[in-house]
């Protein structure tokens, strides 16, 4: 087993280089054939991490763990791809005497590499990853063995008098040098003071940090902006900026990758294994076990009772499934500045407890005239500057319009209003690249709280809010929260169909509705079908039934009566 020969956790580069030497020994001695290809390293670490006990030992990279994690050890980092920085050319292999060695998954030591007579230049991709905007504290990854890792590493520093042979190889070829000698610094807590850029348009936890991720042998189609990933790889620190005198001359950014990073050090992760994290993956990780005591129907009813109590026993609103996923924006009207601070805040907290990524904005004329909603390209730094609407897939956005008063929108305000409207109607966000604009697909559920029907943000559903009692709070158990999160995550991924017989019934009902009200159009019919899908999957059913279609029609009738 590899684990008996290598320490994948504390000395991953030793394992990388040993597998490289074995791969060369078993085939052609020229490493050129490994350009853009793996020689067994990925399988090695996949096998190591497939064991939950091994995975739990890999520390999570955040502001706390950064104070004690050793450089060139294995770490985990979870974040959203905020910017793609292009490709970087680096020395992937070099000849040391008669022996070929590799620098893959590591930083290059300039003083050592300049003396090499033969080199092979390869490419790697660079990603700038940030904390997931609006991520709830309950969804944050936890490292069960964080304190054990810290104690183990602290003990090993005192215990080991001599480095292992493969550790010595890493020091000679990888570590930054100070005064001609390898740096032994492994506690970089000084980098925490003012060294990370404030690029987050949406507030995030102080524990979260940004990270430069270097990716190897990965097709470009596997990643896109705003995807949430968990990366496992080797931790190093990018000294200063890639385009200044302190960077390695043999690690050369391509022409479109000359970017500026913080003037101090930036955490850098050389990725060995990565995987995309969907909403249901994230929620399932927080649940100790699948709820078994309640049926889906009982879980649904318990969640509806909870939301109904928060909204003062207004039981029409909750049945439109505002927290369900789908292109169905909701405008709750009849809110005031006074009651939104009670009902709106409690509803916001409830949504934060159920959905991993949430954000809220208070819409005013001043906000629209000054906010940066769209991501923009800064060509001086060659960086994508984030905007409020650069959110991860499955995010929930609450817009409070109760503070909006008469005023004049300037050109920025008009553009921001258009961006919000475009998001609601088409689930797309425009990215501003100065010379052109590019629409990026989004998956963001939108809820608007307003006094009257919103003129800026025309929602799919408009429902007057009519509480019949004061908002009540209840002490929620861990089991209840986990069952509701499991319910929402599970139903989100359900497929849905309409059988031919049911299609005929729906079509006939739509014809009758059109004859009774000529104002109804294709958008109304599309909304009814969406409500039918959400109603079905809210009961855990993948096919629309006559019972659930009738429930949709009843809800629509009650909503229309309330609008009168």
Protein backbone atom coordinates (compact mmCIF):
# COMPACT_ATOMS: atom_id res chain seq x y z
CA UNK A 1 0.00 0.00 0.00
CA UNK A 2 1.13 3.54 -0.74
CA UNK A 3 0.30 4.60 2.81
CA UNK A 4 3.11 2.42 4.15
CA UNK A 5 5.64 4.10 1.85
CA UNK A 6 4.44 7.70 1.80
CA UNK A 7 2.87 10.15 4.19
CA UNK A 8 0.16 11.58 1.92
CA UNK A 9 -1.02 13.93 4.64
CA UNK A 10 2.20 15.60 5.80
CA UNK A 11 4.44 14.86 2.82
CA UNK A 12 2.25 14.72 -0.31
CA UNK A 13 5.06 15.99 -2.55
CA UNK A 14 7.19 13.02 -1.56
CA UNK A 15 4.44 10.75 -2.89
CA UNK A 16 4.14 12.83 -6.08
CA UNK A 17 7.83 12.64 -6.83
CA UNK A 18 8.20 8.98 -5.99
CA UNK A 19 5.35 8.03 -8.34
CA UNK A 20 6.97 10.23 -11.01
CA UNK A 21 10.28 8.39 -10.69
CA UNK A 22 8.51 5.02 -10.84
CA UNK A 23 6.54 6.05 -13.91
CA UNK A 24 9.75 7.10 -15.69
CA UNK A 25 11.53 3.92 -14.68
CA UNK A 26 8.74 1.77 -16.12
CA UNK A 27 8.63 3.56 -19.48
CA UNK A 28 10.56 6.10 -21.58
CA UNK A 29 13.05 8.16 -19.53
CA UNK A 30 11.90 11.41 -21.20
CA UNK A 31 9.19 13.11 -19.08
CA UNK A 32 7.76 15.05 -22.06
CA UNK A 33 4.97 12.49 -22.39
CA UNK A 34 3.63 13.56 -18.98
CA UNK A 35 2.84 17.10 -20.17
CA UNK A 36 -0.84 17.61 -19.29
CA UNK A 37 -1.20 14.02 -18.12
CA UNK A 38 -1.32 12.23 -14.80
CA UNK A 39 1.12 9.44 -13.96
CA UNK A 40 -0.90 7.84 -11.18
CA UNK A 41 -0.90 10.63 -8.58
CA UNK A 42 -4.65 11.34 -8.79
CA UNK A 43 -5.60 7.69 -8.26
CA UNK A 44 -3.16 7.52 -5.36
CA UNK A 45 -4.81 10.43 -3.53
CA UNK A 46 -8.33 9.36 -4.52
CA UNK A 47 -7.63 6.05 -2.79
CA UNK A 48 -6.18 7.78 0.24
CA UNK A 49 -9.12 10.20 0.57
CA UNK A 50 -11.79 7.56 -0.07
CA UNK A 51 -11.27 6.44 3.52
CA UNK A 52 -13.38 8.74 5.73
CA UNK A 53 -10.86 8.43 8.54
CA UNK A 54 -8.11 9.71 6.26
CA UNK A 55 -10.27 12.51 4.84
CA UNK A 56 -11.20 13.70 8.34
CA UNK A 57 -7.51 14.20 9.12
CA UNK A 58 -7.06 16.69 6.26
CA UNK A 59 -7.41 20.14 7.86
CA UNK A 60 -9.87 22.71 6.49
CA UNK A 61 -8.09 25.84 5.25
CA UNK A 62 -9.48 28.95 6.99
CA UNK A 63 -8.18 31.88 9.00
CA UNK A 64 -7.93 29.76 12.14
CA UNK A 65 -6.15 26.73 10.71
CA UNK A 66 -3.83 28.94 8.67
CA UNK A 67 -2.04 29.82 11.90
CA UNK A 68 -0.73 26.29 12.42
CA UNK A 69 -0.96 24.36 9.14
CA UNK A 70 2.45 23.40 7.74
CA UNK A 71 3.37 24.48 4.22
CA UNK A 72 3.66 21.66 1.67
CA UNK A 73 1.09 19.55 3.55
CA UNK A 74 -2.33 18.38 2.43
CA UNK A 75 -5.30 20.73 3.07
CA UNK A 76 -8.95 21.09 2.07
CA UNK A 77 -10.50 24.32 0.81
CA UNK A 78 -14.11 25.03 -0.10
CA UNK A 79 -14.98 28.10 -2.13
CA UNK A 80 -16.69 29.65 -5.14
CA UNK A 81 -14.77 30.32 -8.37
CA UNK A 82 -14.87 34.12 -8.50
CA UNK A 83 -12.35 34.61 -11.31
CA UNK A 84 -10.52 32.47 -13.86
CA UNK A 85 -6.99 33.80 -14.31
CA UNK A 86 -5.88 31.84 -17.36
CA UNK A 87 -2.88 29.53 -17.65
CA UNK A 88 0.60 29.67 -16.16
CA UNK A 89 3.72 28.14 -17.68
CA UNK A 90 5.96 26.46 -15.12
CA UNK A 91 8.94 24.10 -15.01
CA UNK A 92 7.19 20.75 -14.70
CA UNK A 93 10.32 18.61 -14.90
CA UNK A 94 14.06 19.24 -14.80
CA UNK A 95 17.21 17.19 -14.96
CA UNK A 96 19.28 16.98 -11.80
CA UNK A 97 22.49 15.40 -12.99
CA UNK A 98 21.38 12.22 -14.74
CA UNK A 99 18.04 12.08 -12.95
CA UNK A 100 14.77 13.69 -14.03
CA UNK A 101 12.74 15.28 -11.21
CA UNK A 102 9.38 17.04 -11.14
CA UNK A 103 8.00 20.25 -9.65
CA UNK A 104 4.37 19.43 -10.37
CA UNK A 105 2.00 20.42 -7.55
CA UNK A 106 4.64 22.71 -6.04
CA UNK A 107 6.25 26.12 -6.34
CA UNK A 108 9.58 26.35 -8.14
CA UNK A 109 12.78 27.42 -6.38
CA UNK A 110 14.47 29.90 -8.69
CA UNK A 111 17.98 29.57 -7.26
CA UNK A 112 17.94 25.81 -7.77
CA UNK A 113 16.22 25.80 -11.15
CA UNK A 114 18.51 28.36 -12.77
CA UNK A 115 21.36 25.82 -12.61
CA UNK A 116 19.37 23.08 -14.34
CA UNK A 117 20.63 22.27 -17.82
CA UNK A 118 17.46 20.59 -19.07
CA UNK A 119 13.87 21.50 -18.33
CA UNK A 120 10.35 20.67 -19.49
CA UNK A 121 7.79 23.49 -19.43
CA UNK A 122 4.17 22.58 -18.69
CA UNK A 123 0.96 24.53 -18.07
CA UNK A 124 -1.45 24.79 -15.17
CA UNK A 125 -4.69 26.74 -14.74
CA UNK A 126 -5.18 29.42 -12.11
CA UNK A 127 -8.44 30.08 -10.28
CA UNK A 128 -9.21 32.76 -7.73
CA UNK A 129 -11.66 31.29 -5.22
CA UNK A 130 -13.55 33.17 -2.53
CA UNK A 131 -15.82 32.23 0.37
CA UNK A 132 -19.26 31.28 -0.96
CA UNK A 133 -21.35 34.50 -0.77
CA UNK A 134 -24.05 34.39 1.90
CA UNK A 135 -23.05 30.95 3.20
CA UNK A 136 -24.83 30.08 6.44
CA UNK A 137 -22.74 29.19 9.47
CA UNK A 138 -24.52 25.84 9.77
CA UNK A 139 -23.26 24.73 6.34
CA UNK A 140 -19.59 25.46 7.02
CA UNK A 141 -17.28 22.45 6.77
CA UNK A 142 -15.94 21.11 10.04
CA UNK A 143 -12.72 19.29 10.69
CA UNK A 144 -13.33 16.73 13.41
CA UNK A 145 -9.62 16.23 13.89
CA UNK A 146 -8.55 19.88 13.78
CA UNK A 147 -7.18 19.93 17.31
CA UNK A 148 -5.68 16.48 16.83
CA UNK A 149 -3.96 17.68 13.66
CA UNK A 150 -2.63 20.72 15.45
CA UNK A 151 -1.29 18.64 18.33
CA UNK A 152 0.17 16.05 15.98
CA UNK A 153 1.98 18.64 13.89
CA UNK A 154 3.24 20.48 16.96
CA UNK A 155 4.55 17.23 18.39
CA UNK A 156 6.19 16.14 15.17
CA UNK A 157 8.17 19.39 15.01
CA UNK A 158 9.77 18.58 18.36
CA UNK A 159 10.11 14.87 17.74
CA UNK A 160 11.72 14.68 14.30
CA UNK A 161 15.39 15.63 14.44
CA UNK A 162 16.13 14.69 10.84
CA UNK A 163 13.79 15.02 7.83
CA UNK A 164 12.97 11.99 5.78
CA UNK A 165 14.79 11.56 2.49
CA UNK A 166 11.82 12.62 0.38
CA UNK A 167 11.23 15.62 2.64
CA UNK A 168 14.80 16.72 1.95
CA UNK A 169 14.09 16.51 -1.76
CA UNK A 170 11.10 18.79 -1.30
CA UNK A 171 13.12 21.34 0.63
CA UNK A 172 15.77 21.45 -2.08
CA UNK A 173 13.45 21.92 -5.01
CA UNK A 174 10.31 23.55 -3.68
CA UNK A 175 10.61 25.81 -0.64
CA UNK A 176 11.23 29.55 -1.10
CA UNK A 177 14.78 30.42 -0.19
CA UNK A 178 16.04 33.04 2.22
CA UNK A 179 19.71 34.11 1.97
CA UNK A 180 20.44 31.05 -0.13
CA UNK A 181 18.97 28.56 2.36
CA UNK A 182 15.60 26.83 2.30
CA UNK A 183 13.03 28.61 4.46
CA UNK A 184 11.81 26.50 7.37
CA UNK A 185 8.94 28.83 8.24
CA UNK A 186 5.74 26.85 8.70
CA UNK A 187 3.63 29.19 10.85
CA UNK A 188 2.61 32.04 8.52
CA UNK A 189 0.20 33.78 10.90
CA UNK A 190 1.72 37.17 10.04
CA UNK A 191 -0.05 37.04 6.69
CA UNK A 192 -3.42 37.55 8.35
CA UNK A 193 -2.88 41.24 9.00
CA UNK A 194 -4.31 43.19 6.10
CA UNK A 195 -3.04 40.84 3.43
CA UNK A 196 -6.31 39.62 1.96
CA UNK A 197 -8.27 41.81 -0.45
CA UNK A 198 -11.77 42.93 0.44
CA UNK A 199 -13.37 41.62 -2.75
CA UNK A 200 -16.55 40.17 -1.29
CA UNK A 201 -19.67 42.07 -2.32
CA UNK A 202 -21.75 39.85 -0.01
CA UNK A 203 -20.69 39.61 3.67
CA UNK A 204 -19.07 36.37 4.78
CA UNK A 205 -17.67 34.90 7.97
CA UNK A 206 -14.36 36.18 9.32
CA UNK A 207 -13.19 32.57 9.35
CA UNK A 208 -13.30 32.42 5.56
CA UNK A 209 -10.38 33.37 3.36
CA UNK A 210 -9.73 33.59 -0.36
CA UNK A 211 -7.31 31.23 -2.06
CA UNK A 212 -5.38 30.94 -5.31
CA UNK A 213 -5.97 27.45 -6.68
CA UNK A 214 -3.58 25.95 -9.24
CA UNK A 215 -5.22 23.20 -11.26
CA UNK A 216 -3.55 20.45 -13.26
CA UNK A 217 -4.72 18.14 -16.06
CA UNK A 218 -8.37 19.26 -15.83
CA UNK A 219 -10.56 19.95 -18.88
CA UNK A 220 -11.76 23.55 -19.00
CA UNK A 221 -15.36 22.37 -19.42
CA UNK A 222 -15.35 20.93 -15.89
CA UNK A 223 -15.31 24.34 -14.24
CA UNK A 224 -17.13 27.64 -14.66
CA UNK A 225 -17.53 30.91 -12.81
CA UNK A 226 -19.60 30.77 -9.60
CA UNK A 227 -19.34 26.99 -9.24
CA UNK A 228 -18.72 25.83 -5.66
CA UNK A 229 -15.91 23.32 -5.30
CA UNK A 230 -14.02 21.49 -2.62
CA UNK A 231 -10.32 21.34 -3.46
CA UNK A 232 -7.78 19.06 -1.79
CA UNK A 233 -4.14 19.80 -2.45
CA UNK A 234 -0.75 21.01 -1.33
CA UNK A 235 -0.61 24.31 0.57
CA UNK A 236 2.02 26.89 -0.37
CA UNK A 237 2.15 30.67 -0.24
CA UNK A 238 2.35 32.83 -3.35
CA UNK A 239 4.99 35.44 -2.56
CA UNK A 240 3.88 38.97 -3.49
CA UNK A 241 2.44 39.25 -7.03
CA UNK A 242 2.98 36.94 -10.00
CA UNK A 243 4.16 39.81 -12.19
CA UNK A 244 6.78 41.46 -10.01
CA UNK A 245 10.46 40.88 -9.27
CA UNK A 246 9.78 38.53 -6.37
CA UNK A 247 8.05 35.88 -8.46
CA UNK A 248 9.89 32.97 -9.96
CA UNK A 249 11.24 33.76 -13.40
CA UNK A 250 10.58 30.22 -14.49
CA UNK A 251 6.91 30.31 -13.50
CA UNK A 252 5.57 32.54 -16.24
CA UNK A 253 1.95 33.77 -16.47
CA UNK A 254 0.44 33.89 -19.92
CA UNK A 255 -0.33 37.26 -21.48
CA UNK A 256 -3.93 37.31 -20.21
CA UNK A 257 -2.99 36.26 -16.68
CA UNK A 258 -0.93 39.24 -15.46
CA UNK A 259 -2.97 39.89 -12.33
CA UNK A 260 -2.41 41.66 -9.03
CA UNK A 261 -2.74 39.91 -5.70
CA UNK A 262 -2.33 41.31 -2.18
CA UNK A 263 1.08 42.81 -1.52
CA UNK A 264 1.89 40.29 1.18
CA UNK A 265 1.39 36.52 0.91
CA UNK A 266 -1.59 34.69 -0.58
CA UNK A 267 -2.54 31.10 0.35
CA UNK A 268 -2.05 28.91 -2.69
CA UNK A 269 -3.39 25.39 -3.13
CA UNK A 270 -1.92 23.03 -5.75
CA UNK A 271 -4.98 20.90 -6.38
CA UNK A 272 -4.71 17.10 -6.43
CA UNK A 273 -8.40 16.23 -6.13
CA UNK A 274 -11.48 18.40 -6.63
CA UNK A 275 -15.23 17.98 -6.85
CA UNK A 276 -18.18 20.24 -7.48
CA UNK A 277 -20.57 20.71 -4.56
CA UNK A 278 -24.29 21.02 -5.30
CA UNK A 279 -26.85 22.29 -2.79
CA UNK A 280 -28.01 18.79 -1.87
CA UNK A 281 -24.40 17.62 -1.36
CA UNK A 282 -23.78 20.46 1.06
CA UNK A 283 -26.96 19.87 3.05
CA UNK A 284 -26.52 16.11 3.27
CA UNK A 285 -23.07 16.67 4.80
CA UNK A 286 -24.62 18.56 7.73
CA UNK A 287 -27.19 15.84 8.52
CA UNK A 288 -26.13 13.16 10.96
CA UNK A 289 -28.53 10.60 9.45
CA UNK A 290 -31.50 10.50 7.09
CA UNK A 291 -34.71 11.35 8.98
CA UNK A 292 -36.75 8.19 9.34
CA UNK A 293 -39.39 9.03 11.92
CA UNK A 294 -41.50 11.27 9.65
CA UNK A 295 -42.92 10.77 6.20
CA UNK A 296 -42.42 13.39 3.48
CA UNK A 297 -46.00 14.54 3.97
CA UNK A 298 -45.48 14.94 7.73
CA UNK A 299 -42.21 16.80 7.18
CA UNK A 300 -43.93 19.10 4.69
CA UNK A 301 -46.75 19.85 7.12
CA UNK A 302 -44.31 20.55 9.97
CA UNK A 303 -42.31 22.96 7.80
CA UNK A 304 -45.49 24.76 6.66
CA UNK A 305 -46.65 25.11 10.27
CA UNK A 306 -43.29 26.63 11.16
CA UNK A 307 -43.41 29.18 8.32
CA UNK A 308 -47.07 29.92 8.99
CA UNK A 309 -46.36 30.74 12.64
CA UNK A 310 -43.47 33.05 11.66
CA UNK A 311 -45.78 34.95 9.28
CA UNK A 312 -48.54 35.47 11.80
CA UNK A 313 -50.69 32.53 10.66
CA UNK A 314 -50.90 33.76 7.05
CA UNK A 315 -51.34 30.31 5.53
CA UNK A 316 -51.74 31.33 1.88
CA UNK A 317 -48.18 32.57 1.45
CA UNK A 318 -46.40 29.46 2.58
CA UNK A 319 -48.25 27.23 0.16
CA UNK A 320 -46.64 28.89 -2.84
CA UNK A 321 -43.40 27.27 -1.69
CA UNK A 322 -41.28 30.43 -1.65
CA UNK A 323 -38.25 28.49 -0.45
CA UNK A 324 -38.56 25.80 -3.11
CA UNK A 325 -36.23 25.87 -6.06
CA UNK A 326 -37.62 26.92 -9.43
CA UNK A 327 -38.15 29.98 -11.58
CA UNK A 328 -40.96 31.33 -9.45
CA UNK A 329 -40.18 34.73 -7.92
CA UNK A 330 -42.51 35.95 -5.19
CA UNK A 331 -43.59 39.48 -4.21
CA UNK A 332 -45.19 39.71 -0.76
CA UNK A 333 -47.02 43.04 -0.54
CA UNK A 334 -48.72 44.95 2.31
CA UNK A 335 -45.51 45.12 4.33
CA UNK A 336 -44.64 48.36 6.11
CA UNK A 337 -41.43 49.74 7.59
CA UNK A 338 -42.73 48.70 10.99
CA UNK A 339 -43.89 45.12 10.44
CA UNK A 340 -41.09 44.17 8.04
CA UNK A 341 -38.67 44.47 10.95
CA UNK A 342 -40.66 41.75 12.72
CA UNK A 343 -42.15 39.41 10.13
CA UNK A 344 -39.52 40.08 7.46
CA UNK A 345 -36.58 39.55 9.77
CA UNK A 346 -38.02 36.32 11.17
CA UNK A 347 -38.76 35.05 7.68
CA UNK A 348 -35.19 35.92 6.66
CA UNK A 349 -33.77 33.99 9.60
CA UNK A 350 -35.97 31.00 8.76
CA UNK A 351 -34.71 30.97 5.17
CA UNK A 352 -31.08 31.26 6.39
CA UNK A 353 -31.65 28.19 8.57
CA UNK A 354 -32.99 26.18 5.64
CA UNK A 355 -30.93 27.21 2.61
CA UNK A 356 -27.09 27.21 2.48
CA UNK A 357 -26.56 30.47 0.57
CA UNK A 358 -28.74 33.50 1.29
CA UNK A 359 -28.41 37.26 0.90
CA UNK A 360 -30.70 40.23 1.46
CA UNK A 361 -30.59 43.82 0.24
CA UNK A 362 -32.55 46.89 1.31
CA UNK A 363 -33.58 48.63 -1.87
CA UNK A 364 -33.43 52.43 -1.82
CA UNK A 365 -32.77 55.05 -4.48
CA UNK A 366 -29.34 55.69 -2.97
CA UNK A 367 -28.54 51.95 -3.01
CA UNK A 368 -29.52 51.60 -6.67
CA UNK A 369 -27.44 54.67 -7.60
CA UNK A 370 -24.29 53.49 -5.82
CA UNK A 371 -24.30 49.66 -5.58
CA UNK A 372 -22.10 47.47 -7.75
CA UNK A 373 -24.48 44.68 -8.70
CA UNK A 374 -22.77 43.35 -11.83
CA UNK A 375 -19.24 41.89 -11.85
CA UNK A 376 -16.91 44.08 -13.91
CA UNK A 377 -13.55 43.52 -15.56
CA UNK A 378 -10.69 45.68 -14.28
CA UNK A 379 -8.16 45.77 -17.09
CA UNK A 380 -5.52 47.55 -15.01
CA UNK A 381 -5.22 44.55 -12.72
CA UNK A 382 -6.70 42.10 -15.22
CA UNK A 383 -9.08 40.92 -12.50
CA UNK A 384 -12.82 40.34 -12.42
CA UNK A 385 -14.23 42.61 -9.71
CA UNK A 386 -17.14 40.87 -8.06
CA UNK A 387 -20.65 42.30 -7.77
CA UNK A 388 -23.58 41.67 -5.44
CA UNK A 389 -25.28 39.44 -8.02
CA UNK A 390 -22.28 37.13 -8.45
CA UNK A 391 -23.85 34.39 -6.36
CA UNK A 392 -23.52 30.63 -6.23
CA UNK A 393 -26.06 28.28 -7.78
CA UNK A 394 -29.10 27.77 -5.55
CA UNK A 395 -28.74 31.06 -3.66
CA UNK A 396 -31.77 32.84 -2.20
CA UNK A 397 -32.04 36.64 -2.52
CA UNK A 398 -34.49 38.70 -0.43
CA UNK A 399 -35.16 42.28 -1.56
CA UNK A 400 -36.73 44.67 0.97
CA UNK A 401 -38.48 47.51 -0.86
CA UNK A 402 -40.23 48.98 2.19
CA UNK A 403 -37.54 51.68 2.53
CA UNK A 404 -37.87 52.75 -1.12
CA UNK A 405 -39.11 56.32 -1.52
CA UNK A 406 -39.46 58.77 -4.39
CA UNK A 407 -36.22 59.92 -5.92
CA UNK A 408 -34.26 60.17 -9.13
CA UNK A 409 -32.32 57.24 -10.50
CA UNK A 410 -29.13 58.17 -12.32
CA UNK A 411 -27.63 56.05 -15.10
CA UNK A 412 -26.11 53.62 -12.56
CA UNK A 413 -29.45 53.27 -10.78
CA UNK A 414 -31.34 52.61 -14.01
CA UNK A 415 -28.76 49.99 -14.98
CA UNK A 416 -28.94 48.29 -11.57
CA UNK A 417 -32.75 48.17 -11.74
CA UNK A 418 -32.47 46.58 -15.18
CA UNK A 419 -29.98 44.00 -13.87
CA UNK A 420 -32.33 42.97 -11.05
CA UNK A 421 -35.28 42.74 -13.41
CA UNK A 422 -33.24 40.68 -15.88
CA UNK A 423 -32.27 38.29 -13.08
CA UNK A 424 -35.91 37.77 -12.07
CA UNK A 425 -37.32 37.36 -15.55
CA UNK A 426 -34.57 35.37 -17.27
CA UNK A 427 -32.33 34.06 -14.46
CA UNK A 428 -29.31 35.73 -16.07
CA UNK A 429 -26.74 38.22 -14.80
CA UNK A 430 -24.82 40.53 -17.12
CA UNK A 431 -21.06 40.68 -16.57
CA UNK A 432 -19.50 43.97 -17.69
CA UNK A 433 -16.28 43.51 -19.65
CA UNK A 434 -16.17 47.24 -20.57
CA UNK A 435 -16.01 46.66 -24.31
CA UNK A 436 -18.82 44.13 -24.28
CA UNK A 437 -21.27 42.50 -21.89
CA UNK A 438 -21.79 38.79 -21.36
CA UNK A 439 -24.87 37.15 -19.88
CA UNK A 440 -24.19 34.37 -17.38
CA UNK A 441 -26.87 31.87 -16.38
CA UNK A 442 -27.97 32.09 -12.75
CA UNK A 443 -30.00 29.99 -10.33
CA UNK A 444 -31.20 32.48 -7.72
CA UNK A 445 -34.58 32.39 -5.99
CA UNK A 446 -35.91 35.92 -5.42
CA UNK A 447 -38.34 37.13 -2.74
CA UNK A 448 -39.53 40.78 -2.66
CA UNK A 449 -41.07 42.40 0.40
CA UNK A 450 -42.89 45.66 -0.42
CA UNK A 451 -45.79 47.93 0.52
CA UNK A 452 -47.53 47.71 -2.85
CA UNK A 453 -46.84 45.70 -5.96
CA UNK A 454 -43.23 46.25 -6.98
CA UNK A 455 -42.83 48.35 -10.12
CA UNK A 456 -39.09 47.78 -10.30
CA UNK A 457 -39.17 44.00 -9.85
CA UNK A 458 -42.25 42.40 -11.45
CA UNK A 459 -42.46 39.00 -9.76
CA UNK A 460 -44.12 35.84 -11.07
CA UNK A 461 -46.40 35.76 -8.03
CA UNK A 462 -47.84 38.71 -6.13
CA UNK A 463 -49.46 37.84 -2.78
CA UNK A 464 -50.76 40.40 -0.24
CA UNK A 465 -49.42 39.62 3.23
CA UNK A 466 -52.21 39.40 5.84
CA UNK A 467 -51.13 38.13 9.25
CA UNK A 468 -53.93 37.19 11.60
CA UNK A 469 -51.80 37.12 14.75
CA UNK A 470 -48.42 38.17 16.07
CA UNK A 471 -45.36 36.39 14.76
CA UNK A 472 -44.44 33.54 17.07
CA UNK A 473 -41.06 31.96 17.71
CA UNK A 474 -40.44 28.40 18.69
CA UNK A 475 -37.34 26.63 19.91
CA UNK A 476 -36.29 24.46 17.01
CA UNK A 477 -34.63 21.15 17.66
CA UNK A 478 -31.64 19.95 15.69
CA UNK A 479 -33.75 17.02 14.46
CA UNK A 480 -36.47 19.33 13.08
CA UNK A 481 -33.99 21.54 11.23
CA UNK A 482 -32.17 18.53 9.79
CA UNK A 483 -35.43 16.94 8.61
CA UNK A 484 -36.50 20.17 6.85
CA UNK A 485 -33.09 20.64 5.23
CA UNK A 486 -33.11 17.02 4.12
CA UNK A 487 -36.65 17.51 2.76
CA UNK A 488 -35.70 20.58 0.69
CA UNK A 489 -32.43 19.08 -0.57
CA UNK A 490 -34.06 15.78 -1.54
CA UNK A 491 -37.05 17.28 -3.32
CA UNK A 492 -34.85 19.77 -5.18
CA UNK A 493 -33.32 16.98 -7.23
CA UNK A 494 -36.56 15.13 -8.05
CA UNK A 495 -37.53 14.83 -11.73
CA UNK A 496 -41.07 15.69 -12.80
CA UNK A 497 -43.39 14.64 -15.63
CA UNK A 498 -47.03 15.02 -16.68
CA UNK A 499 -48.76 11.94 -18.05
CA UNK A 500 -50.79 12.27 -21.32
CA UNK A 501 -54.13 11.94 -19.52
CA UNK A 502 -53.18 14.67 -17.08
CA UNK A 503 -51.87 16.86 -19.90
CA UNK A 504 -55.33 16.81 -21.49
CA UNK A 505 -56.98 17.85 -18.21
CA UNK A 506 -54.49 20.71 -17.75
CA UNK A 507 -54.98 21.92 -21.34
CA UNK A 508 -58.78 21.90 -20.96
CA UNK A 509 -58.53 23.86 -17.68
CA UNK A 510 -56.25 26.44 -19.30
CA UNK A 511 -58.72 26.90 -22.19
CA UNK A 512 -61.60 27.43 -19.75
CA UNK A 513 -59.54 29.92 -17.72
CA UNK A 514 -58.62 31.84 -20.88
CA UNK A 515 -62.28 32.05 -21.91
CA UNK A 516 -63.22 33.42 -18.49
CA UNK A 517 -60.39 35.98 -18.39
CA UNK A 518 -58.88 37.21 -21.69
CA UNK A 519 -56.05 38.91 -19.80
CA UNK A 520 -54.44 35.55 -19.08
CA UNK A 521 -51.45 34.81 -21.31
CA UNK A 522 -48.68 32.30 -21.85
CA UNK A 523 -46.73 33.59 -18.82
CA UNK A 524 -49.67 32.86 -16.53
CA UNK A 525 -50.04 29.35 -17.91
CA UNK A 526 -46.31 28.73 -17.56
CA UNK A 527 -46.52 29.88 -13.93
CA UNK A 528 -49.40 27.49 -13.24
CA UNK A 529 -47.41 24.59 -14.65
CA UNK A 530 -44.42 25.58 -12.49
CA UNK A 531 -46.70 25.69 -9.45
CA UNK A 532 -48.02 22.26 -10.41
CA UNK A 533 -44.47 20.88 -10.53
CA UNK A 534 -43.57 22.44 -7.16
CA UNK A 535 -46.79 21.19 -5.60
CA UNK A 536 -46.13 17.64 -6.77
CA UNK A 537 -42.51 17.46 -5.64
CA UNK A 538 -43.41 19.10 -2.30
CA UNK A 539 -45.28 15.85 -1.60
CA UNK A 540 -42.37 13.77 -2.92
CA UNK A 541 -44.20 12.81 -6.13
CA UNK A 542 -42.60 13.01 -9.56
CA UNK A 543 -45.79 13.05 -11.61
CA UNK A 544 -48.57 15.65 -11.48
CA UNK A 545 -51.79 14.21 -10.07
CA UNK A 546 -55.33 15.51 -10.37
CA UNK A 547 -55.41 16.17 -6.61
CA UNK A 548 -52.32 18.38 -6.70
CA UNK A 549 -53.44 20.19 -9.84
CA UNK A 550 -56.70 21.01 -8.07
CA UNK A 551 -54.69 22.34 -5.12
CA UNK A 552 -52.83 24.68 -7.50
CA UNK A 553 -56.11 25.98 -8.92
CA UNK A 554 -57.48 26.53 -5.41
CA UNK A 555 -54.35 28.45 -4.42
CA UNK A 556 -54.59 30.61 -7.52
CA UNK A 557 -58.26 31.33 -6.80
CA UNK A 558 -57.46 32.35 -3.20
CA UNK A 559 -54.58 34.53 -4.36
CA UNK A 560 -56.75 36.28 -6.97
CA UNK A 561 -59.47 36.93 -4.41
CA UNK A 562 -56.91 38.41 -2.02
CA UNK A 563 -55.60 40.73 -4.74
CA UNK A 564 -59.11 42.20 -5.12
